[in-house]
């Protein structure tokens, strides 16, 4: 192995942290995307309620499929700027549709259940996506990171 491709202990620690973050975020979005395939009617209702638009089952399936494809790219660390930023923007869009819950994070319903808890979780996930995008060059344990260390063509970046 060439000395230029060796990872320092700090590089390995950063790479491991970002691998865990990247896989966790890809899994988080993958679950939502898979539900679009499994229960598309639910997402038709959500689009009607939150966005005031009617979408077809085909449109829901296509969106779910595109999101699953992006999750796979993120999990592998391919086209990192594009794939990581795409999931960040999708998640940001979701947050913009539910922003009113951020102003009352401790609200409970008549049964004592915290009704705005998911919005608070969404902010943490948004922060994690921003960190992943900002630290993309430290993401050593991805296909893109491996290619960068071995000075391969830059089409994957």
N, C-alpha and C. Protein backbone atom coordinates (compact mmCIF):
# COMPACT_ATOMS: atom_id res chain seq x y z
N UNK A 1 0.84 -1.19 0.00
CA UNK A 1 0.00 0.00 0.00
C UNK A 1 0.88 1.24 0.00
N UNK A 2 0.58 2.19 -0.83
CA UNK A 2 1.29 3.46 -0.94
C UNK A 2 1.06 4.29 0.31
N UNK A 3 2.09 5.00 0.78
CA UNK A 3 1.97 5.84 1.98
C UNK A 3 0.89 6.91 1.79
N UNK A 4 0.66 7.36 0.56
CA UNK A 4 -0.35 8.38 0.30
C UNK A 4 -1.77 7.87 0.50
N UNK A 5 -1.96 6.56 0.45
CA UNK A 5 -3.30 6.01 0.60
C UNK A 5 -3.57 5.49 2.01
N UNK A 6 -2.57 5.52 2.89
CA UNK A 6 -2.75 5.06 4.26
C UNK A 6 -3.55 6.06 5.06
N UNK A 7 -4.38 5.53 5.91
CA UNK A 7 -5.19 6.38 6.78
C UNK A 7 -4.53 6.48 8.14
N UNK A 8 -4.48 7.68 8.68
CA UNK A 8 -3.97 7.87 10.03
C UNK A 8 -5.03 7.37 11.02
N UNK A 9 -4.66 7.19 12.27
CA UNK A 9 -5.67 6.81 13.27
C UNK A 9 -6.84 7.80 13.31
N UNK A 10 -6.55 9.09 13.18
CA UNK A 10 -7.64 10.08 13.18
C UNK A 10 -8.51 9.93 11.94
N UNK A 11 -7.89 9.66 10.78
CA UNK A 11 -8.66 9.42 9.55
C UNK A 11 -9.60 8.23 9.74
N UNK A 12 -9.10 7.15 10.34
CA UNK A 12 -9.94 5.96 10.56
C UNK A 12 -11.08 6.27 11.53
N UNK A 13 -10.80 7.02 12.57
CA UNK A 13 -11.84 7.39 13.53
C UNK A 13 -12.90 8.27 12.86
N UNK A 14 -12.47 9.27 12.09
CA UNK A 14 -13.41 10.12 11.36
C UNK A 14 -14.22 9.29 10.37
N UNK A 15 -13.53 8.42 9.64
CA UNK A 15 -14.20 7.57 8.65
C UNK A 15 -15.24 6.67 9.30
N UNK A 16 -14.91 6.09 10.45
CA UNK A 16 -15.84 5.22 11.15
C UNK A 16 -17.06 6.01 11.63
N UNK A 17 -16.82 7.19 12.20
CA UNK A 17 -17.93 8.02 12.67
C UNK A 17 -18.86 8.39 11.51
N UNK A 18 -18.29 8.75 10.38
CA UNK A 18 -19.10 9.13 9.23
C UNK A 18 -19.77 7.92 8.58
N UNK A 19 -19.15 6.76 8.63
CA UNK A 19 -19.79 5.55 8.15
C UNK A 19 -21.06 5.27 8.96
N UNK A 20 -20.94 5.36 10.28
CA UNK A 20 -22.10 5.14 11.15
C UNK A 20 -23.18 6.18 10.88
N UNK A 21 -22.77 7.44 10.77
CA UNK A 21 -23.73 8.52 10.50
C UNK A 21 -24.40 8.32 9.15
N UNK A 22 -23.61 8.02 8.13
CA UNK A 22 -24.13 7.85 6.77
C UNK A 22 -25.11 6.68 6.69
N UNK A 23 -24.75 5.55 7.27
CA UNK A 23 -25.65 4.39 7.23
C UNK A 23 -26.92 4.64 8.04
N UNK A 24 -26.79 5.31 9.17
CA UNK A 24 -27.98 5.63 9.97
C UNK A 24 -28.93 6.56 9.24
N UNK A 25 -28.40 7.58 8.60
CA UNK A 25 -29.25 8.51 7.86
C UNK A 25 -29.87 7.86 6.63
N UNK A 26 -29.10 7.03 5.94
CA UNK A 26 -29.65 6.32 4.78
C UNK A 26 -30.78 5.40 5.23
N UNK A 27 -30.61 4.71 6.34
CA UNK A 27 -31.65 3.82 6.86
C UNK A 27 -32.89 4.61 7.27
N UNK A 28 -32.70 5.76 7.91
CA UNK A 28 -33.80 6.61 8.34
C UNK A 28 -34.69 6.99 7.15
N UNK A 29 -34.08 7.48 6.08
CA UNK A 29 -34.85 7.89 4.91
C UNK A 29 -35.37 6.66 4.15
N UNK A 30 -34.59 5.58 4.11
CA UNK A 30 -35.02 4.36 3.43
C UNK A 30 -36.35 3.85 4.00
N UNK A 31 -36.49 3.88 5.31
CA UNK A 31 -37.74 3.41 5.93
C UNK A 31 -38.94 4.20 5.42
N UNK A 32 -38.80 5.52 5.34
CA UNK A 32 -39.89 6.35 4.83
C UNK A 32 -40.14 6.06 3.35
N UNK A 33 -39.08 5.88 2.59
CA UNK A 33 -39.22 5.60 1.15
C UNK A 33 -39.87 4.24 0.92
N UNK A 34 -39.47 3.25 1.69
CA UNK A 34 -40.06 1.91 1.54
C UNK A 34 -41.55 1.93 1.86
N UNK A 35 -41.94 2.76 2.81
CA UNK A 35 -43.37 2.86 3.13
C UNK A 35 -44.16 3.48 1.98
N UNK A 36 -43.52 4.30 1.18
CA UNK A 36 -44.20 4.83 -0.01
C UNK A 36 -44.54 3.70 -0.98
N UNK A 37 -43.69 2.69 -1.04
CA UNK A 37 -43.94 1.55 -1.90
C UNK A 37 -44.99 0.62 -1.27
N UNK A 38 -44.87 0.42 0.03
CA UNK A 38 -45.73 -0.53 0.74
C UNK A 38 -47.14 0.02 0.96
N UNK A 39 -47.24 1.29 1.37
CA UNK A 39 -48.54 1.91 1.67
C UNK A 39 -48.67 3.25 0.93
N UNK A 40 -48.75 3.23 -0.39
CA UNK A 40 -48.78 4.48 -1.15
C UNK A 40 -50.01 5.34 -0.86
N UNK A 41 -51.11 4.73 -0.49
CA UNK A 41 -52.32 5.50 -0.20
C UNK A 41 -52.12 6.47 0.96
N UNK A 42 -51.33 6.06 1.93
CA UNK A 42 -51.05 6.94 3.07
C UNK A 42 -50.35 8.21 2.59
N UNK A 43 -49.44 8.07 1.64
CA UNK A 43 -48.70 9.24 1.14
C UNK A 43 -49.54 10.10 0.22
N UNK A 44 -50.51 9.49 -0.44
CA UNK A 44 -51.46 10.30 -1.20
C UNK A 44 -52.23 11.21 -0.24
N UNK A 45 -52.67 10.65 0.87
CA UNK A 45 -53.40 11.42 1.88
C UNK A 45 -52.52 12.53 2.47
N UNK A 46 -51.27 12.21 2.77
CA UNK A 46 -50.35 13.21 3.32
C UNK A 46 -50.11 14.35 2.34
N UNK A 47 -49.92 14.02 1.06
CA UNK A 47 -49.70 15.06 0.04
C UNK A 47 -50.93 15.97 -0.07
N UNK A 48 -52.09 15.37 0.00
CA UNK A 48 -53.33 16.15 -0.07
C UNK A 48 -53.45 17.05 1.16
N UNK A 49 -53.15 16.50 2.34
CA UNK A 49 -53.30 17.25 3.59
C UNK A 49 -52.26 18.37 3.73
N UNK A 50 -50.99 18.03 3.56
CA UNK A 50 -49.92 19.01 3.81
C UNK A 50 -49.66 19.94 2.64
N UNK A 51 -49.77 19.41 1.41
CA UNK A 51 -49.40 20.20 0.24
C UNK A 51 -50.59 20.63 -0.61
N UNK A 52 -51.75 20.05 -0.33
CA UNK A 52 -52.93 20.40 -1.11
C UNK A 52 -52.88 19.92 -2.54
N UNK A 53 -52.17 18.82 -2.79
CA UNK A 53 -52.07 18.28 -4.15
C UNK A 53 -52.52 16.82 -4.16
N UNK A 54 -53.06 16.43 -5.29
CA UNK A 54 -53.41 15.03 -5.49
C UNK A 54 -52.32 14.38 -6.32
N UNK A 55 -51.80 13.28 -5.83
CA UNK A 55 -50.77 12.53 -6.57
C UNK A 55 -51.29 11.13 -6.83
N UNK A 56 -50.88 10.57 -7.94
CA UNK A 56 -51.31 9.22 -8.31
C UNK A 56 -50.47 8.18 -7.57
N UNK A 57 -50.96 6.96 -7.56
CA UNK A 57 -50.18 5.87 -6.97
C UNK A 57 -48.86 5.71 -7.70
N UNK A 58 -48.87 5.90 -9.01
CA UNK A 58 -47.63 5.80 -9.80
C UNK A 58 -46.63 6.85 -9.34
N UNK A 59 -47.10 8.07 -9.14
CA UNK A 59 -46.19 9.14 -8.69
C UNK A 59 -45.59 8.82 -7.33
N UNK A 60 -46.39 8.28 -6.43
CA UNK A 60 -45.89 7.92 -5.11
C UNK A 60 -44.85 6.81 -5.24
N UNK A 61 -45.13 5.80 -6.07
CA UNK A 61 -44.18 4.71 -6.28
C UNK A 61 -42.87 5.22 -6.90
N UNK A 62 -42.96 6.11 -7.86
CA UNK A 62 -41.76 6.66 -8.50
C UNK A 62 -40.93 7.44 -7.49
N UNK A 63 -41.59 8.26 -6.67
CA UNK A 63 -40.87 9.03 -5.65
C UNK A 63 -40.21 8.09 -4.64
N UNK A 64 -40.94 7.07 -4.20
CA UNK A 64 -40.36 6.10 -3.27
C UNK A 64 -39.17 5.38 -3.89
N UNK A 65 -39.29 4.99 -5.15
CA UNK A 65 -38.19 4.32 -5.84
C UNK A 65 -36.97 5.22 -5.97
N UNK A 66 -37.19 6.49 -6.30
CA UNK A 66 -36.08 7.44 -6.42
C UNK A 66 -35.39 7.64 -5.07
N UNK A 67 -36.19 7.72 -4.02
CA UNK A 67 -35.61 7.89 -2.69
C UNK A 67 -34.83 6.64 -2.27
N UNK A 68 -35.34 5.47 -2.59
CA UNK A 68 -34.61 4.23 -2.28
C UNK A 68 -33.29 4.20 -3.04
N UNK A 69 -33.31 4.60 -4.31
CA UNK A 69 -32.06 4.64 -5.09
C UNK A 69 -31.06 5.60 -4.46
N UNK A 70 -31.52 6.78 -4.03
CA UNK A 70 -30.62 7.73 -3.37
C UNK A 70 -30.08 7.16 -2.07
N UNK A 71 -30.92 6.46 -1.33
CA UNK A 71 -30.46 5.85 -0.07
C UNK A 71 -29.36 4.83 -0.34
N UNK A 72 -29.47 4.08 -1.41
CA UNK A 72 -28.43 3.11 -1.76
C UNK A 72 -27.13 3.82 -2.14
N UNK A 73 -27.26 4.92 -2.88
CA UNK A 73 -26.06 5.71 -3.22
C UNK A 73 -25.39 6.23 -1.96
N UNK A 74 -26.19 6.73 -1.02
CA UNK A 74 -25.64 7.25 0.23
C UNK A 74 -25.00 6.12 1.03
N UNK A 75 -25.68 5.00 1.15
CA UNK A 75 -25.15 3.88 1.93
C UNK A 75 -23.79 3.43 1.39
N UNK A 76 -23.63 3.43 0.08
CA UNK A 76 -22.37 3.04 -0.54
C UNK A 76 -21.36 4.19 -0.59
N UNK A 77 -21.85 5.41 -0.50
CA UNK A 77 -20.96 6.57 -0.60
C UNK A 77 -20.55 6.87 -2.02
N UNK A 78 -21.52 6.80 -2.93
CA UNK A 78 -21.29 7.06 -4.35
C UNK A 78 -21.95 8.39 -4.72
N UNK A 79 -21.32 9.15 -5.61
CA UNK A 79 -21.82 10.49 -5.98
C UNK A 79 -22.15 11.25 -4.70
N UNK A 80 -21.19 11.34 -3.82
CA UNK A 80 -21.43 11.79 -2.45
C UNK A 80 -22.04 13.17 -2.35
N UNK A 81 -21.52 14.15 -3.05
CA UNK A 81 -22.10 15.50 -2.93
C UNK A 81 -23.55 15.49 -3.40
N UNK A 82 -23.80 14.84 -4.50
CA UNK A 82 -25.16 14.78 -5.05
C UNK A 82 -26.09 13.99 -4.14
N UNK A 83 -25.70 12.76 -3.78
CA UNK A 83 -26.61 11.90 -3.02
C UNK A 83 -26.83 12.41 -1.60
N UNK A 84 -25.78 12.82 -0.91
CA UNK A 84 -25.94 13.31 0.46
C UNK A 84 -26.78 14.59 0.47
N UNK A 85 -26.47 15.49 -0.46
CA UNK A 85 -27.21 16.76 -0.53
C UNK A 85 -28.66 16.55 -0.94
N UNK A 86 -28.92 15.57 -1.80
CA UNK A 86 -30.30 15.28 -2.21
C UNK A 86 -31.14 14.84 -1.02
N UNK A 87 -30.60 13.94 -0.21
CA UNK A 87 -31.36 13.52 0.97
C UNK A 87 -31.51 14.67 1.96
N UNK A 88 -30.49 15.49 2.10
CA UNK A 88 -30.58 16.68 2.96
C UNK A 88 -31.71 17.59 2.49
N UNK A 89 -31.77 17.87 1.20
CA UNK A 89 -32.82 18.75 0.67
C UNK A 89 -34.21 18.14 0.82
N UNK A 90 -34.32 16.83 0.61
CA UNK A 90 -35.62 16.18 0.80
C UNK A 90 -36.07 16.30 2.25
N UNK A 91 -35.14 16.07 3.16
CA UNK A 91 -35.50 16.16 4.57
C UNK A 91 -35.83 17.60 4.95
N UNK A 92 -35.08 18.56 4.42
CA UNK A 92 -35.36 19.97 4.69
C UNK A 92 -36.76 20.34 4.19
N UNK A 93 -37.14 19.83 3.02
CA UNK A 93 -38.48 20.08 2.50
C UNK A 93 -39.54 19.57 3.47
N UNK A 94 -39.33 18.39 4.01
CA UNK A 94 -40.26 17.84 4.99
C UNK A 94 -40.39 18.76 6.20
N UNK A 95 -39.27 19.27 6.67
CA UNK A 95 -39.29 20.15 7.83
C UNK A 95 -40.06 21.44 7.53
N UNK A 96 -39.89 21.99 6.34
CA UNK A 96 -40.58 23.25 6.02
C UNK A 96 -42.09 23.07 6.02
N UNK A 97 -42.57 21.86 5.81
CA UNK A 97 -44.00 21.61 5.79
C UNK A 97 -44.58 21.44 7.19
N UNK A 98 -43.73 21.29 8.21
CA UNK A 98 -44.21 21.03 9.56
C UNK A 98 -43.60 21.98 10.58
N UNK A 99 -43.18 23.14 10.17
CA UNK A 99 -42.43 24.05 11.03
C UNK A 99 -43.18 24.54 12.26
N UNK A 100 -44.51 24.60 12.20
CA UNK A 100 -45.26 25.14 13.35
C UNK A 100 -45.04 24.33 14.62
N UNK A 101 -44.75 23.04 14.51
CA UNK A 101 -44.50 22.21 15.69
C UNK A 101 -43.22 22.56 16.42
N UNK A 102 -42.29 23.23 15.75
CA UNK A 102 -41.04 23.61 16.41
C UNK A 102 -41.26 24.69 17.47
N UNK A 103 -42.33 25.45 17.32
CA UNK A 103 -42.61 26.53 18.26
C UNK A 103 -43.30 26.04 19.53
N UNK A 104 -43.74 24.79 19.53
CA UNK A 104 -44.39 24.23 20.70
C UNK A 104 -43.94 22.77 20.89
N UNK A 105 -42.64 22.59 21.21
CA UNK A 105 -42.10 21.22 21.26
C UNK A 105 -42.63 20.39 22.43
N UNK A 106 -43.24 21.02 23.42
CA UNK A 106 -43.71 20.29 24.60
C UNK A 106 -45.22 20.09 24.60
N UNK A 107 -45.87 20.34 23.47
CA UNK A 107 -47.32 20.17 23.39
C UNK A 107 -47.69 18.70 23.59
N UNK A 108 -48.79 18.50 24.33
CA UNK A 108 -49.33 17.15 24.53
C UNK A 108 -50.80 17.16 24.17
N UNK A 109 -51.29 16.00 23.73
CA UNK A 109 -52.72 15.91 23.41
C UNK A 109 -53.51 15.61 24.69
N UNK A 110 -54.81 15.40 24.55
CA UNK A 110 -55.65 15.20 25.73
C UNK A 110 -55.34 13.91 26.48
N UNK A 111 -54.59 13.01 25.86
CA UNK A 111 -54.18 11.77 26.54
C UNK A 111 -52.75 11.86 27.08
N UNK A 112 -52.13 13.03 26.99
CA UNK A 112 -50.79 13.23 27.51
C UNK A 112 -49.66 12.81 26.60
N UNK A 113 -49.98 12.55 25.33
CA UNK A 113 -48.96 12.12 24.38
C UNK A 113 -48.30 13.35 23.74
N UNK A 114 -46.96 13.39 23.68
CA UNK A 114 -46.28 14.53 23.04
C UNK A 114 -46.50 14.53 21.53
N UNK A 115 -47.21 15.52 21.04
CA UNK A 115 -47.63 15.52 19.63
C UNK A 115 -46.59 16.11 18.68
N UNK A 116 -45.63 16.87 19.18
CA UNK A 116 -44.64 17.50 18.30
C UNK A 116 -43.26 16.87 18.46
N UNK A 117 -43.20 15.69 19.01
CA UNK A 117 -41.92 15.03 19.24
C UNK A 117 -41.18 14.74 17.93
N UNK A 118 -41.90 14.34 16.89
CA UNK A 118 -41.23 14.03 15.62
C UNK A 118 -40.57 15.25 15.01
N UNK A 119 -41.15 16.42 15.19
CA UNK A 119 -40.51 17.63 14.66
C UNK A 119 -39.16 17.88 15.34
N UNK A 120 -39.09 17.62 16.64
CA UNK A 120 -37.82 17.80 17.35
C UNK A 120 -36.79 16.79 16.83
N UNK A 121 -37.21 15.56 16.60
CA UNK A 121 -36.33 14.55 16.03
C UNK A 121 -35.88 14.98 14.63
N UNK A 122 -36.80 15.55 13.86
CA UNK A 122 -36.46 16.01 12.51
C UNK A 122 -35.34 17.04 12.51
N UNK A 123 -35.31 17.92 13.52
CA UNK A 123 -34.23 18.91 13.59
C UNK A 123 -32.89 18.23 13.84
N UNK A 124 -32.87 17.23 14.69
CA UNK A 124 -31.62 16.50 14.95
C UNK A 124 -31.14 15.80 13.68
N UNK A 125 -32.06 15.21 12.94
CA UNK A 125 -31.70 14.54 11.69
C UNK A 125 -31.20 15.56 10.67
N UNK A 126 -31.83 16.73 10.62
CA UNK A 126 -31.36 17.77 9.71
C UNK A 126 -29.92 18.16 10.05
N UNK A 127 -29.64 18.33 11.33
CA UNK A 127 -28.27 18.64 11.75
C UNK A 127 -27.28 17.56 11.35
N UNK A 128 -27.70 16.30 11.47
CA UNK A 128 -26.84 15.19 11.09
C UNK A 128 -26.57 15.20 9.58
N UNK A 129 -27.60 15.50 8.78
CA UNK A 129 -27.40 15.58 7.33
C UNK A 129 -26.45 16.71 6.97
N UNK A 130 -26.60 17.85 7.61
CA UNK A 130 -25.70 18.99 7.34
C UNK A 130 -24.26 18.60 7.69
N UNK A 131 -24.06 17.94 8.83
CA UNK A 131 -22.72 17.50 9.22
C UNK A 131 -22.15 16.52 8.20
N UNK A 132 -22.97 15.60 7.73
CA UNK A 132 -22.49 14.62 6.74
C UNK A 132 -22.02 15.31 5.46
N UNK A 133 -22.79 16.29 4.99
CA UNK A 133 -22.40 17.01 3.77
C UNK A 133 -21.12 17.82 4.01
N UNK A 134 -21.03 18.49 5.17
CA UNK A 134 -19.85 19.30 5.45
C UNK A 134 -18.57 18.47 5.62
N UNK A 135 -18.73 17.24 6.08
CA UNK A 135 -17.58 16.38 6.35
C UNK A 135 -17.33 15.33 5.25
N UNK A 136 -17.90 15.54 4.09
CA UNK A 136 -17.81 14.55 3.02
C UNK A 136 -16.37 14.15 2.70
N UNK A 137 -15.43 15.05 2.79
CA UNK A 137 -14.04 14.72 2.48
C UNK A 137 -13.37 13.89 3.57
N UNK A 138 -14.00 13.77 4.73
CA UNK A 138 -13.49 12.91 5.81
C UNK A 138 -14.17 11.54 5.79
N UNK A 139 -15.08 11.34 4.83
CA UNK A 139 -15.85 10.10 4.72
C UNK A 139 -15.01 9.05 4.00
N UNK A 140 -14.03 8.51 4.72
CA UNK A 140 -13.04 7.62 4.12
C UNK A 140 -13.57 6.21 3.86
N UNK A 141 -14.55 5.75 4.64
CA UNK A 141 -15.04 4.38 4.49
C UNK A 141 -16.29 4.34 3.62
N UNK A 142 -16.17 4.95 2.46
CA UNK A 142 -17.21 4.93 1.44
C UNK A 142 -16.51 4.60 0.12
N UNK A 143 -17.29 4.22 -0.86
CA UNK A 143 -16.68 3.95 -2.17
C UNK A 143 -16.02 5.21 -2.70
N UNK A 144 -16.69 6.35 -2.55
CA UNK A 144 -16.10 7.61 -3.00
C UNK A 144 -14.81 7.94 -2.25
N UNK A 145 -14.77 7.66 -0.95
CA UNK A 145 -13.57 7.91 -0.17
C UNK A 145 -12.42 7.01 -0.60
N UNK A 146 -12.73 5.75 -0.88
CA UNK A 146 -11.71 4.82 -1.36
C UNK A 146 -11.15 5.28 -2.69
N UNK A 147 -12.04 5.69 -3.60
CA UNK A 147 -11.60 6.16 -4.91
C UNK A 147 -10.74 7.41 -4.77
N UNK A 148 -11.10 8.30 -3.86
CA UNK A 148 -10.32 9.52 -3.66
C UNK A 148 -8.91 9.19 -3.16
N UNK A 149 -8.81 8.25 -2.23
CA UNK A 149 -7.50 7.87 -1.69
C UNK A 149 -6.62 7.20 -2.74
N UNK A 150 -7.24 6.58 -3.71
CA UNK A 150 -6.47 5.88 -4.74
C UNK A 150 -6.40 6.68 -6.05
N UNK A 151 -6.71 7.96 -5.95
CA UNK A 151 -6.57 8.90 -7.06
C UNK A 151 -7.24 8.41 -8.34
N UNK A 152 -8.47 7.95 -8.20
CA UNK A 152 -9.26 7.48 -9.34
C UNK A 152 -9.98 8.68 -9.98
N UNK A 153 -10.57 8.46 -11.15
CA UNK A 153 -11.31 9.55 -11.80
C UNK A 153 -12.38 10.14 -10.87
N UNK A 154 -12.68 11.40 -11.03
CA UNK A 154 -13.54 12.13 -10.10
C UNK A 154 -15.03 12.08 -10.44
N UNK A 155 -15.48 11.21 -11.33
CA UNK A 155 -16.90 11.15 -11.70
C UNK A 155 -17.79 10.81 -10.52
N UNK A 156 -17.27 10.15 -9.51
CA UNK A 156 -18.03 9.65 -8.36
C UNK A 156 -18.23 10.71 -7.30
N UNK A 157 -17.49 11.79 -7.36
CA UNK A 157 -17.53 12.81 -6.31
C UNK A 157 -18.85 13.52 -6.38
